[in-house]
Amino acid sequence: MFVALAAPALGQDRSALVDEGQRAFMRNGCYGCHTIGRRGTPIAPDLSHVGAKYGAEYIAHWLRDPRAVRPSGHMPMLELADEEIRALAAFLAAQQ
């Protein structure tokens, strides 16, 4: 019974994290290089479906240190708090 009651709460927490990630995407200017749907600037890869290819854990690793994941990449290292990374990773992973 506990699992049945906890599942909706976990979904709500996840939804709140994804919403916060969307705000962080805008607040940190990610849209200045990336697009999601019709929003953003198509300088860097379109992230509209990034979650279909990568999970939140991989995306969080990328956000912490993009050059460690892909040394030839052009993504700058951003000064993000751990909470912002978790939220951005959840938001991007939700982009299916």
C-alpha atoms as a PDB file:
ATOM      1  CA  MET A   1       0.000   0.000   0.000  1.00  0.00           C
ATOM      2  CA  PHE A   2       2.873   2.383   0.718  1.00  0.00           C
ATOM      3  CA  VAL A   3       4.201   1.961  -2.829  1.00  0.00           C
ATOM      4  CA  ALA A   4       0.780   2.780  -4.267  1.00  0.00           C
ATOM      5  CA  LEU A   5       0.641   5.988  -2.238  1.00  0.00           C
ATOM      6  CA  ALA A   6       4.259   6.938  -2.902  1.00  0.00           C
ATOM      7  CA  ALA A   7       4.095   6.546  -6.702  1.00  0.00           C
ATOM      8  CA  PRO A   8       1.917   9.632  -7.350  1.00  0.00           C
ATOM      9  CA  ALA A   9       4.102  11.702  -5.010  1.00  0.00           C
ATOM     10  CA  LEU A  10       7.235  10.610  -6.882  1.00  0.00           C
ATOM     11  CA  GLY A  11       5.570  11.570 -10.157  1.00  0.00           C
ATOM     12  CA  GLN A  12       4.684  14.997  -8.767  1.00  0.00           C
ATOM     13  CA  ASP A  13       8.248  15.486  -7.499  1.00  0.00           C
ATOM     14  CA  ARG A  14       9.594  14.484 -10.924  1.00  0.00           C
ATOM     15  CA  SER A  15       7.183  16.862 -12.645  1.00  0.00           C
ATOM     16  CA  ALA A  16       8.268  19.723 -10.366  1.00  0.00           C
ATOM     17  CA  LEU A  17      11.927  18.913 -11.113  1.00  0.00           C
ATOM     18  CA  VAL A  18      11.249  18.931 -14.872  1.00  0.00           C
ATOM     19  CA  ASP A  19       9.425  22.271 -14.520  1.00  0.00           C
ATOM     20  CA  GLU A  20      12.355  23.704 -12.581  1.00  0.00           C
ATOM     21  CA  GLY A  21      14.697  22.388 -15.264  1.00  0.00           C
ATOM     22  CA  GLN A  22      12.722  24.212 -17.926  1.00  0.00           C
ATOM     23  CA  ARG A  23      13.058  27.443 -15.941  1.00  0.00           C
ATOM     24  CA  ALA A  24      16.802  26.778 -15.483  1.00  0.00           C
ATOM     25  CA  PHE A  25      17.134  26.234 -19.249  1.00  0.00           C
ATOM     26  CA  MET A  26      15.771  29.725 -19.820  1.00  0.00           C
ATOM     27  CA  ARG A  27      17.457  31.365 -16.816  1.00  0.00           C
ATOM     28  CA  ASN A  28      20.911  30.078 -17.784  1.00  0.00           C
ATOM     29  CA  GLY A  29      20.538  31.119 -21.408  1.00  0.00           C
ATOM     30  CA  CYS A  30      20.713  27.593 -22.853  1.00  0.00           C
ATOM     31  CA  TYR A  31      18.209  28.721 -25.493  1.00  0.00           C
ATOM     32  CA  GLY A  32      20.887  31.117 -26.785  1.00  0.00           C
ATOM     33  CA  CYS A  33      22.585  28.179 -28.513  1.00  0.00           C
ATOM     34  CA  HIS A  34      20.102  25.279 -28.394  1.00  0.00           C
ATOM     35  CA  THR A  35      16.558  24.797 -29.599  1.00  0.00           C
ATOM     36  CA  ILE A  36      13.758  22.785 -28.081  1.00  0.00           C
ATOM     37  CA  GLY A  37      10.827  22.706 -30.432  1.00  0.00           C
ATOM     38  CA  ARG A  38      10.519  26.123 -32.032  1.00  0.00           C
ATOM     39  CA  ARG A  39      12.182  27.991 -29.160  1.00  0.00           C
ATOM     40  CA  GLY A  40      15.830  28.891 -29.085  1.00  0.00           C
ATOM     41  CA  THR A  41      18.707  29.519 -31.460  1.00  0.00           C
ATOM     42  CA  PRO A  42      19.968  26.775 -33.790  1.00  0.00           C
ATOM     43  CA  ILE A  43      23.696  27.284 -33.204  1.00  0.00           C
ATOM     44  CA  ALA A  44      24.256  24.093 -31.211  1.00  0.00           C
ATOM     45  CA  PRO A  45      22.373  20.772 -31.389  1.00  0.00           C
ATOM     46  CA  ASP A  46      18.582  20.713 -31.233  1.00  0.00           C
ATOM     47  CA  LEU A  47      17.620  19.211 -27.863  1.00  0.00           C
ATOM     48  CA  SER A  48      13.976  18.503 -28.728  1.00  0.00           C
ATOM     49  CA  HIS A  49      14.489  14.722 -28.505  1.00  0.00           C
ATOM     50  CA  VAL A  50      17.684  14.430 -26.458  1.00  0.00           C
ATOM     51  CA  GLY A  51      15.893  12.362 -23.801  1.00  0.00           C
ATOM     52  CA  ALA A  52      15.157   9.641 -26.359  1.00  0.00           C
ATOM     53  CA  LYS A  53      18.907   9.123 -26.736  1.00  0.00           C
ATOM     54  CA  TYR A  54      20.343   9.954 -23.296  1.00  0.00           C
ATOM     55  CA  GLY A  55      19.161   9.485 -19.727  1.00  0.00           C
ATOM     56  CA  ALA A  56      19.269  12.037 -16.931  1.00  0.00           C
ATOM     57  CA  GLU A  57      22.443  10.567 -15.405  1.00  0.00           C
ATOM     58  CA  TYR A  58      24.418  10.939 -18.644  1.00  0.00           C
ATOM     59  CA  ILE A  59      23.050  14.442 -19.230  1.00  0.00           C
ATOM     60  CA  ALA A  60      23.993  15.475 -15.675  1.00  0.00           C
ATOM     61  CA  HIS A  61      27.538  14.178 -16.252  1.00  0.00           C
ATOM     62  CA  TRP A  62      27.678  16.174 -19.498  1.00  0.00           C
ATOM     63  CA  LEU A  63      26.465  19.344 -17.770  1.00  0.00           C
ATOM     64  CA  ARG A  64      29.049  18.997 -14.990  1.00  0.00           C
ATOM     65  CA  ASP A  65      31.979  18.742 -17.410  1.00  0.00           C
ATOM     66  CA  PRO A  66      31.206  18.656 -21.139  1.00  0.00           C
ATOM     67  CA  ARG A  67      34.873  18.406 -22.142  1.00  0.00           C
ATOM     68  CA  ALA A  68      35.354  15.271 -20.039  1.00  0.00           C
ATOM     69  CA  VAL A  69      32.546  13.608 -21.987  1.00  0.00           C
ATOM     70  CA  ARG A  70      33.477  14.963 -25.421  1.00  0.00           C
ATOM     71  CA  PRO A  71      36.851  16.742 -25.603  1.00  0.00           C
ATOM     72  CA  SER A  72      36.241  17.963 -29.155  1.00  0.00           C
ATOM     73  CA  GLY A  73      32.872  19.511 -28.263  1.00  0.00           C
ATOM     74  CA  HIS A  74      32.171  23.222 -28.173  1.00  0.00           C
ATOM     75  CA  MET A  75      29.930  23.288 -25.104  1.00  0.00           C
ATOM     76  CA  PRO A  76      31.388  25.596 -22.469  1.00  0.00           C
ATOM     77  CA  MET A  77      31.733  24.504 -18.860  1.00  0.00           C
ATOM     78  CA  LEU A  78      28.897  26.203 -17.026  1.00  0.00           C
ATOM     79  CA  GLU A  79      28.846  27.263 -13.410  1.00  0.00           C
ATOM     80  CA  LEU A  80      25.769  25.356 -12.288  1.00  0.00           C
ATOM     81  CA  ALA A  81      24.753  24.317  -8.795  1.00  0.00           C
ATOM     82  CA  ASP A  82      24.045  20.614  -8.265  1.00  0.00           C
ATOM     83  CA  GLU A  83      20.328  21.380  -7.950  1.00  0.00           C
ATOM     84  CA  GLU A  84      20.348  23.153 -11.321  1.00  0.00           C
ATOM     85  CA  ILE A  85      22.154  20.223 -12.917  1.00  0.00           C
ATOM     86  CA  ARG A  86      19.597  17.753 -11.521  1.00  0.00           C
ATOM     87  CA  ALA A  87      16.714  19.894 -12.747  1.00  0.00           C
ATOM     88  CA  LEU A  88      18.213  20.547 -16.184  1.00  0.00           C
ATOM     89  CA  ALA A  89      19.042  16.853 -16.597  1.00  0.00           C
ATOM     90  CA  ALA A  90      15.470  15.878 -15.662  1.00  0.00           C
ATOM     91  CA  PHE A  91      14.039  18.448 -18.086  1.00  0.00           C
ATOM     92  CA  LEU A  92      16.303  17.414 -20.939  1.00  0.00           C
ATOM     93  CA  ALA A  93      15.760  13.695 -20.306  1.00  0.00           C
ATOM     94  CA  ALA A  94      12.010  14.369 -20.542  1.00  0.00           C
ATOM     95  CA  GLN A  95      12.470  15.699 -24.079  1.00  0.00           C
ATOM     96  CA  GLN A  96      11.394  12.618 -25.985  1.00  0.00           C
END
